[in-house]
C-alpha atoms as a PDB file:
ATOM      1  CA  MET A   1     106.313 -29.183 -72.844  1.00  0.00           C
ATOM      2  CA  THR A   2     109.149 -29.150 -70.034  1.00  0.00           C
ATOM      3  CA  ASN A   3     112.384 -30.717 -70.333  1.00  0.00           C
ATOM      4  CA  SER A   4     111.223 -33.177 -67.719  1.00  0.00           C
ATOM      5  CA  GLU A   5     108.215 -34.144 -69.787  1.00  0.00           C
ATOM      6  CA  ARG A   6     110.373 -34.522 -73.055  1.00  0.00           C
ATOM      7  CA  THR A   7     112.468 -36.934 -71.381  1.00  0.00           C
ATOM      8  CA  THR A   8     109.511 -38.862 -70.192  1.00  0.00           C
ATOM      9  CA  ALA A   9     108.211 -39.065 -73.734  1.00  0.00           C
ATOM     10  CA  SER A  10     111.082 -39.769 -75.485  1.00  0.00           C
ATOM     11  CA  THR A  11     112.518 -42.579 -73.003  1.00  0.00           C
ATOM     12  CA  ALA A  12     109.180 -44.564 -72.657  1.00  0.00           C
ATOM     13  CA  ARG A  13     108.688 -47.345 -75.338  1.00  0.00           C
ATOM     14  CA  PRO A  14     106.988 -46.240 -78.592  1.00  0.00           C
ATOM     15  CA  VAL A  15     103.177 -47.250 -79.079  1.00  0.00           C
ATOM     16  CA  VAL A  16     102.014 -48.425 -82.283  1.00  0.00           C
ATOM     17  CA  ALA A  17      98.524 -49.067 -83.570  1.00  0.00           C
ATOM     18  CA  ARG A  18      98.382 -52.645 -82.420  1.00  0.00           C
ATOM     19  CA  THR A  19      98.287 -54.430 -79.025  1.00  0.00           C
ATOM     20  CA  LEU A  20     101.710 -55.180 -77.268  1.00  0.00           C
ATOM     21  CA  PRO A  21     102.713 -58.307 -75.844  1.00  0.00           C
ATOM     22  CA  TRP A  22     103.998 -56.517 -72.657  1.00  0.00           C
ATOM     23  CA  LEU A  23     100.483 -55.066 -71.766  1.00  0.00           C
ATOM     24  CA  LEU A  24      99.915 -58.367 -69.806  1.00  0.00           C
ATOM     25  CA  LEU A  25     102.195 -56.979 -67.474  1.00  0.00           C
ATOM     26  CA  ALA A  26      99.723 -54.673 -66.136  1.00  0.00           C
ATOM     27  CA  CYS A  27      97.626 -55.366 -62.955  1.00  0.00           C
ATOM     28  CA  PRO A  28      93.990 -55.984 -62.836  1.00  0.00           C
ATOM     29  CA  LEU A  29      91.228 -53.300 -62.367  1.00  0.00           C
ATOM     30  CA  LEU A  30      88.545 -53.910 -60.110  1.00  0.00           C
ATOM     31  CA  LEU A  31      89.178 -57.878 -60.920  1.00  0.00           C
ATOM     32  CA  GLY A  32      91.418 -60.444 -58.862  1.00  0.00           C
ATOM     33  CA  LEU A  33      94.684 -59.906 -57.878  1.00  0.00           C
ATOM     34  CA  HIS A  34      96.568 -62.958 -59.702  1.00  0.00           C
ATOM     35  CA  GLY A  35      98.938 -62.485 -62.358  1.00  0.00           C
ATOM     36  CA  CYS A  36     100.429 -59.017 -61.427  1.00  0.00           C
ATOM     37  CA  SER A  37     104.014 -58.103 -62.232  1.00  0.00           C
ATOM     38  CA  GLU A  38     106.344 -56.140 -60.158  1.00  0.00           C
ATOM     39  CA  LEU A  39     104.847 -53.057 -62.166  1.00  0.00           C
ATOM     40  CA  SER A  40     102.269 -52.379 -60.023  1.00  0.00           C
ATOM     41  CA  GLN A  41     103.067 -54.017 -56.352  1.00  0.00           C
ATOM     42  CA  SER A  42     101.876 -50.595 -54.620  1.00  0.00           C
ATOM     43  CA  SER A  43      98.623 -50.935 -56.397  1.00  0.00           C
ATOM     44  CA  ILE A  44      98.044 -54.438 -55.218  1.00  0.00           C
ATOM     45  CA  LYS A  45      98.627 -53.140 -51.651  1.00  0.00           C
ATOM     46  CA  ALA A  46      96.323 -50.449 -52.328  1.00  0.00           C
ATOM     47  CA  MET A  47      93.366 -52.523 -53.544  1.00  0.00           C
ATOM     48  CA  ARG A  48      94.217 -54.765 -50.364  1.00  0.00           C
ATOM     49  CA  LEU A  49      94.107 -51.929 -47.933  1.00  0.00           C
ATOM     50  CA  ALA A  50      91.086 -50.491 -49.687  1.00  0.00           C
ATOM     51  CA  ALA A  51      88.995 -53.489 -49.012  1.00  0.00           C
ATOM     52  CA  LYS A  52      89.650 -52.994 -45.204  1.00  0.00           C
ATOM     53  CA  GLY A  53      88.771 -49.400 -45.628  1.00  0.00           C
ATOM     54  CA  ARG A  54      92.251 -48.210 -45.002  1.00  0.00           C
ATOM     55  CA  PRO A  55      93.878 -45.561 -47.263  1.00  0.00           C
ATOM     56  CA  GLN A  56      95.456 -46.432 -50.865  1.00  0.00           C
ATOM     57  CA  VAL A  57      99.161 -46.646 -51.269  1.00  0.00           C
ATOM     58  CA  GLN A  58     100.224 -44.752 -54.406  1.00  0.00           C
ATOM     59  CA  PRO A  59     102.881 -45.905 -56.855  1.00  0.00           C
ATOM     60  CA  THR A  60     106.027 -44.228 -56.231  1.00  0.00           C
ATOM     61  CA  ALA A  61     108.165 -42.137 -58.909  1.00  0.00           C
ATOM     62  CA  ALA A  62     111.083 -44.923 -58.737  1.00  0.00           C
ATOM     63  CA  GLU A  63     108.571 -47.677 -59.277  1.00  0.00           C
ATOM     64  CA  VAL A  64     106.855 -45.564 -62.605  1.00  0.00           C
ATOM     65  CA  ALA A  65     110.461 -44.830 -63.667  1.00  0.00           C
ATOM     66  CA  ALA A  66     111.715 -48.597 -63.474  1.00  0.00           C
ATOM     67  CA  LYS A  67     109.384 -49.380 -66.467  1.00  0.00           C
ATOM     68  CA  PRO A  68     109.758 -47.915 -69.835  1.00  0.00           C
ATOM     69  CA  TYR A  69     106.012 -48.096 -70.657  1.00  0.00           C
ATOM     70  CA  PHE A  70     103.511 -45.237 -70.686  1.00  0.00           C
ATOM     71  CA  GLN A  71     101.318 -45.773 -67.479  1.00  0.00           C
ATOM     72  CA  LEU A  72      98.096 -44.439 -66.121  1.00  0.00           C
ATOM     73  CA  GLN A  73      96.864 -44.907 -62.772  1.00  0.00           C
ATOM     74  CA  ALA A  74      93.159 -45.867 -62.593  1.00  0.00           C
ATOM     75  CA  THR A  75      91.293 -45.783 -59.070  1.00  0.00           C
ATOM     76  CA  SER A  76      87.619 -46.726 -58.194  1.00  0.00           C
ATOM     77  CA  PRO A  77      86.093 -47.135 -54.830  1.00  0.00           C
ATOM     78  CA  GLU A  78      87.568 -50.984 -55.036  1.00  0.00           C
ATOM     79  CA  GLY A  79      90.876 -50.132 -55.352  1.00  0.00           C
ATOM     80  CA  SER A  80      93.853 -48.913 -57.774  1.00  0.00           C
ATOM     81  CA  ALA A  81      95.714 -50.423 -60.551  1.00  0.00           C
ATOM     82  CA  VAL A  82      98.331 -49.292 -62.942  1.00  0.00           C
ATOM     83  CA  LEU A  83      97.165 -49.649 -66.653  1.00  0.00           C
ATOM     84  CA  ILE A  84      99.761 -49.848 -69.520  1.00  0.00           C
ATOM     85  CA  LEU A  85      99.077 -48.101 -72.787  1.00  0.00           C
ATOM     86  CA  GLY A  86      98.925 -50.978 -75.641  1.00  0.00           C
ATOM     87  CA  ASN A  87      97.302 -49.126 -78.649  1.00  0.00           C
ATOM     88  CA  VAL A  88      97.016 -45.783 -80.204  1.00  0.00           C
ATOM     89  CA  ASP A  89      94.521 -45.784 -83.167  1.00  0.00           C
ATOM     90  CA  GLY A  90      94.077 -42.001 -84.319  1.00  0.00           C
ATOM     91  CA  GLY A  91      93.445 -40.040 -80.978  1.00  0.00           C
ATOM     92  CA  ARG A  92      91.721 -43.266 -79.404  1.00  0.00           C
ATOM     93  CA  GLN A  93      94.200 -44.715 -76.678  1.00  0.00           C
ATOM     94  CA  ALA A  94      93.538 -48.302 -75.150  1.00  0.00           C
ATOM     95  CA  TRP A  95      94.876 -48.520 -72.018  1.00  0.00           C
ATOM     96  CA  TYR A  96      95.195 -52.420 -70.650  1.00  0.00           C
ATOM     97  CA  GLY A  97      94.897 -54.000 -67.516  1.00  0.00           C
ATOM     98  CA  ASN A  98      94.716 -57.773 -66.900  1.00  0.00           C
ATOM     99  CA  HIS A  99      91.919 -60.450 -67.275  1.00  0.00           C
ATOM    100  CA  GLY A 100      90.296 -58.160 -70.437  1.00  0.00           C
ATOM    101  CA  VAL A 101      90.165 -55.174 -68.625  1.00  0.00           C
ATOM    102  CA  VAL A 102      90.380 -52.344 -71.249  1.00  0.00           C
ATOM    103  CA  VAL A 103      90.075 -48.410 -70.868  1.00  0.00           C
ATOM    104  CA  PHE A 104      89.795 -46.450 -73.911  1.00  0.00           C
ATOM    105  CA  ILE A 105      90.263 -42.837 -73.791  1.00  0.00           C
ATOM    106  CA  GLU A 106      90.077 -39.833 -76.198  1.00  0.00           C
ATOM    107  CA  ARG A 107      91.328 -36.563 -75.551  1.00  0.00           C
ATOM    108  CA  GLY A 108      91.163 -37.391 -71.577  1.00  0.00           C
ATOM    109  CA  ARG A 109      87.588 -38.715 -71.851  1.00  0.00           C
ATOM    110  CA  VAL A 110      86.583 -42.514 -71.236  1.00  0.00           C
ATOM    111  CA  VAL A 111      84.673 -43.357 -74.010  1.00  0.00           C
ATOM    112  CA  GLN A 112      84.528 -47.254 -73.491  1.00  0.00           C
ATOM    113  CA  THR A 113      85.489 -49.859 -70.989  1.00  0.00           C
ATOM    114  CA  THR A 114      85.512 -53.559 -71.250  1.00  0.00           C
ATOM    115  CA  GLY A 115      85.708 -56.221 -68.535  1.00  0.00           C
ATOM    116  CA  LEU A 116      84.255 -53.969 -65.435  1.00  0.00           C
ATOM    117  CA  GLY A 117      81.367 -54.976 -63.711  1.00  0.00           C
ATOM    118  CA  GLN A 118      79.312 -51.936 -65.444  1.00  0.00           C
ATOM    119  CA  ASP A 119      80.772 -51.178 -68.822  1.00  0.00           C
ATOM    120  CA  LEU A 120      80.636 -47.878 -71.189  1.00  0.00           C
ATOM    121  CA  ASP A 121      79.926 -49.404 -74.619  1.00  0.00           C
ATOM    122  CA  GLY A 122      80.164 -46.331 -76.521  1.00  0.00           C
ATOM    123  CA  VAL A 123      79.583 -42.507 -76.671  1.00  0.00           C
ATOM    124  CA  GLN A 124      77.892 -40.616 -79.474  1.00  0.00           C
ATOM    125  CA  LEU A 125      79.655 -37.255 -79.495  1.00  0.00           C
ATOM    126  CA  PRO A 126      78.145 -33.964 -81.194  1.00  0.00           C
ATOM    127  CA  ALA A 127      80.101 -32.420 -84.222  1.00  0.00           C
ATOM    128  CA  ASP A 128      81.118 -29.489 -82.236  1.00  0.00           C
ATOM    129  CA  ASP A 129      82.782 -31.397 -79.165  1.00  0.00           C
ATOM    130  CA  PRO A 130      84.096 -29.111 -76.664  1.00  0.00           C
ATOM    131  CA  PHE A 131      86.835 -31.657 -75.880  1.00  0.00           C
ATOM    132  CA  ALA A 132      88.026 -31.501 -79.307  1.00  0.00           C
ATOM    133  CA  ARG A 133      88.713 -27.604 -79.253  1.00  0.00           C
ATOM    134  CA  GLY A 134      90.348 -28.080 -75.958  1.00  0.00           C
ATOM    135  CA  LEU A 135      89.026 -27.525 -72.389  1.00  0.00           C
ATOM    136  CA  GLN A 136      91.616 -24.882 -71.840  1.00  0.00           C
ATOM    137  CA  THR A 137      89.917 -22.692 -74.156  1.00  0.00           C
ATOM    138  CA  LEU A 138      86.720 -22.053 -72.007  1.00  0.00           C
ATOM    139  CA  THR A 139      85.955 -19.036 -70.807  1.00  0.00           C
ATOM    140  CA  ALA A 140      82.386 -19.525 -69.570  1.00  0.00           C
ATOM    141  CA  PRO A 141      80.059 -22.404 -69.312  1.00  0.00           C
ATOM    142  CA  VAL A 142      79.314 -24.645 -72.512  1.00  0.00           C
ATOM    143  CA  SER A 143      76.449 -26.894 -72.621  1.00  0.00           C
ATOM    144  CA  TYR A 144      76.267 -29.955 -75.140  1.00  0.00           C
ATOM    145  CA  ARG A 145      74.255 -33.113 -75.562  1.00  0.00           C
ATOM    146  CA  MET A 146      75.582 -36.532 -76.310  1.00  0.00           C
ATOM    147  CA  GLY A 147      74.550 -40.207 -76.072  1.00  0.00           C
ATOM    148  CA  LYS A 148      75.809 -43.085 -73.934  1.00  0.00           C
ATOM    149  CA  ASP A 149      75.724 -46.601 -74.216  1.00  0.00           C
ATOM    150  CA  TRP A 150      75.911 -48.850 -71.048  1.00  0.00           C
ATOM    151  CA  SER A 151      75.781 -52.543 -70.336  1.00  0.00           C
ATOM    152  CA  PRO A 152      74.444 -54.818 -68.661  1.00  0.00           C
ATOM    153  CA  GLY A 153      70.932 -53.695 -69.099  1.00  0.00           C
ATOM    154  CA  TYR A 154      70.992 -52.719 -72.850  1.00  0.00           C
ATOM    155  CA  ARG A 155      70.966 -49.065 -72.249  1.00  0.00           C
ATOM    156  CA  TYR A 156      71.823 -47.597 -75.586  1.00  0.00           C
ATOM    157  CA  GLY A 157      71.730 -44.236 -76.972  1.00  0.00           C
ATOM    158  CA  VAL A 158      70.522 -42.677 -73.714  1.00  0.00           C
ATOM    159  CA  PRO A 159      70.839 -39.102 -73.986  1.00  0.00           C
ATOM    160  CA  VAL A 160      73.045 -37.249 -71.653  1.00  0.00           C
ATOM    161  CA  ASP A 161      72.974 -33.419 -71.219  1.00  0.00           C
ATOM    162  CA  ALA A 162      76.123 -31.993 -70.000  1.00  0.00           C
ATOM    163  CA  THR A 163      77.578 -28.692 -69.113  1.00  0.00           C
ATOM    164  CA  LEU A 164      81.304 -27.761 -68.772  1.00  0.00           C
ATOM    165  CA  THR A 165      82.298 -25.142 -66.524  1.00  0.00           C
ATOM    166  CA  PRO A 166      85.924 -23.630 -65.952  1.00  0.00           C
ATOM    167  CA  ALA A 167      86.485 -23.710 -62.327  1.00  0.00           C
ATOM    168  CA  GLY A 168      89.628 -21.709 -61.895  1.00  0.00           C
ATOM    169  CA  ARG A 169      93.303 -22.610 -61.442  1.00  0.00           C
ATOM    170  CA  GLU A 170      94.867 -24.918 -58.991  1.00  0.00           C
ATOM    171  CA  GLN A 171      98.105 -26.746 -58.274  1.00  0.00           C
ATOM    172  CA  ILE A 172      98.157 -30.943 -58.396  1.00  0.00           C
ATOM    173  CA  SER A 173     100.892 -32.943 -57.262  1.00  0.00           C
ATOM    174  CA  ILE A 174     101.780 -36.480 -59.338  1.00  0.00           C
ATOM    175  CA  LEU A 175     104.514 -38.499 -58.704  1.00  0.00           C
ATOM    176  CA  ASP A 176     106.321 -35.393 -56.324  1.00  0.00           C
ATOM    177  CA  GLN A 177     105.682 -33.178 -59.139  1.00  0.00           C
ATOM    178  CA  THR A 178     103.546 -29.980 -59.109  1.00  0.00           C
ATOM    179  CA  HIS A 179     101.327 -29.051 -61.903  1.00  0.00           C
ATOM    180  CA  ASP A 180      99.585 -25.727 -62.443  1.00  0.00           C
ATOM    181  CA  VAL A 181      96.182 -26.711 -64.225  1.00  0.00           C
ATOM    182  CA  LEU A 182      92.796 -25.511 -64.936  1.00  0.00           C
ATOM    183  CA  ARG A 183      89.915 -27.407 -63.194  1.00  0.00           C
ATOM    184  CA  VAL A 184      86.985 -27.843 -65.169  1.00  0.00           C
ATOM    185  CA  ASP A 185      83.679 -29.310 -63.851  1.00  0.00           C
ATOM    186  CA  GLU A 186      81.366 -31.223 -66.336  1.00  0.00           C
ATOM    187  CA  GLN A 187      77.733 -31.767 -64.803  1.00  0.00           C
ATOM    188  CA  LEU A 188      76.004 -34.728 -66.416  1.00  0.00           C
ATOM    189  CA  ASP A 189      72.120 -34.681 -66.310  1.00  0.00           C
ATOM    190  CA  VAL A 190      70.220 -38.093 -67.488  1.00  0.00           C
ATOM    191  CA  PRO A 191      66.726 -37.360 -67.272  1.00  0.00           C
ATOM    192  CA  SER A 192      65.549 -40.788 -68.346  1.00  0.00           C
ATOM    193  CA  LEU A 193      67.381 -42.423 -65.365  1.00  0.00           C
ATOM    194  CA  HIS A 194      66.767 -39.618 -62.806  1.00  0.00           C
ATOM    195  CA  TYR A 195      70.501 -39.383 -62.519  1.00  0.00           C
ATOM    196  CA  ARG A 196      72.847 -36.208 -62.131  1.00  0.00           C
ATOM    197  CA  VAL A 197      76.626 -36.401 -61.519  1.00  0.00           C
ATOM    198  CA  THR A 198      79.691 -33.996 -61.671  1.00  0.00           C
ATOM    199  CA  ASN A 199      82.983 -35.165 -63.321  1.00  0.00           C
ATOM    200  CA  HIS A 200      86.296 -33.015 -62.667  1.00  0.00           C
ATOM    201  CA  TYR A 201      89.063 -32.477 -65.174  1.00  0.00           C
ATOM    202  CA  TRP A 202      92.607 -30.909 -64.214  1.00  0.00           C
ATOM    203  CA  VAL A 203      93.911 -29.544 -67.610  1.00  0.00           C
ATOM    204  CA  ASP A 204      97.274 -28.131 -68.650  1.00  0.00           C
ATOM    205  CA  PRO A 205      96.498 -24.633 -69.522  1.00  0.00           C
ATOM    206  CA  ARG A 206      98.961 -24.692 -72.493  1.00  0.00           C
ATOM    207  CA  ASP A 207      97.699 -27.354 -74.729  1.00  0.00           C
ATOM    208  CA  GLY A 208      94.487 -28.860 -72.895  1.00  0.00           C
ATOM    209  CA  PHE A 209      96.246 -32.042 -71.765  1.00  0.00           C
ATOM    210  CA  ILE A 210      94.406 -33.845 -69.048  1.00  0.00           C
ATOM    211  CA  TRP A 211      96.644 -34.625 -66.043  1.00  0.00           C
ATOM    212  CA  LYS A 212      93.951 -35.769 -63.705  1.00  0.00           C
ATOM    213  CA  SER A 213      90.143 -36.773 -64.055  1.00  0.00           C
ATOM    214  CA  ASP A 214      87.352 -37.851 -61.917  1.00  0.00           C
ATOM    215  CA  GLN A 215      84.723 -39.493 -64.441  1.00  0.00           C
ATOM    216  CA  GLN A 216      81.833 -41.286 -63.578  1.00  0.00           C
ATOM    217  CA  VAL A 217      81.682 -43.779 -66.704  1.00  0.00           C
ATOM    218  CA  ALA A 218      78.570 -45.590 -65.914  1.00  0.00           C
ATOM    219  CA  PRO A 219      75.799 -44.820 -63.210  1.00  0.00           C
ATOM    220  CA  GLY A 220      77.320 -45.791 -59.779  1.00  0.00           C
ATOM    221  CA  LEU A 221      80.840 -46.543 -61.386  1.00  0.00           C
ATOM    222  CA  SER A 222      83.650 -43.771 -60.960  1.00  0.00           C
ATOM    223  CA  LEU A 223      87.205 -43.978 -62.082  1.00  0.00           C
ATOM    224  CA  GLN A 224      89.843 -41.368 -61.118  1.00  0.00           C
ATOM    225  CA  LEU A 225      92.586 -41.486 -64.013  1.00  0.00           C
ATOM    226  CA  VAL A 226      96.131 -39.985 -63.141  1.00  0.00           C
ATOM    227  CA  GLN A 227      98.642 -39.759 -65.783  1.00  0.00           C
ATOM    228  CA  LEU A 228     102.046 -41.207 -64.300  1.00  0.00           C
ATOM    229  CA  ARG A 229     103.957 -41.522 -67.399  1.00  0.00           C
ATOM    230  CA  PRO A 230     102.056 -39.970 -69.980  1.00  0.00           C
ATOM    231  CA  TYR A 231     101.683 -40.398 -73.636  1.00  0.00           C
ATOM    232  CA  ARG A 232     101.198 -36.918 -75.361  1.00  0.00           C
ATOM    233  CA  GLU A 233     100.203 -36.460 -78.670  1.00  0.00           C
ATOM    234  CA  PRO A 234     102.687 -34.397 -80.961  1.00  0.00           C
ATOM    235  CA  GLN A 235     101.520 -30.644 -80.981  1.00  0.00           C
ATOM    236  CA  PRO A 236     101.391 -28.917 -84.504  1.00  0.00           C
END
């Protein structure tokens, strides 16, 4: 961890395994625009511009630094919002928006959502989950199978074949800071739905922390997640 990352982690307000009252400051994701705080005024503007087909506005470093909370930007085709980390239970993180929107993440992968037009209700992962080993350890394609639950429609235990492929080193910029990362592509194939899509993860080569990802969390629903003020688990 760099000095700047240590500073970010140490100055952000601690997270405990319960829902915190300040999570209501987060703006809504994909749902209306009422009740937002000053935390994400740029996100409000981005969502309005997206409705007009114009480029989205990104939160600035000053806006993120002004609030002592762990923050994650979530973007869909409908717009963007900054979510607040309100709960950590083991390795499971709950990132809250307004109006009941919650995005649950484990090891950088979305494992559940609530409050969206379509929701990922759960994921059944294999015992030898490549994300648990760390995507930075991949040297060749790795295939595995998982099950996913989606609603509405009572689509439970749907088999999903996945292949993770290391795609080389890249540089990404987040809040005017450049990160040297590894890109890992994940091809998902759902034969029962005739559905195929590719996710992308931008991974810290040192510890596997996922700074950015493009994930299809349900058929037809994609989320781009960018760590603005990251919560990073202590390394052994």
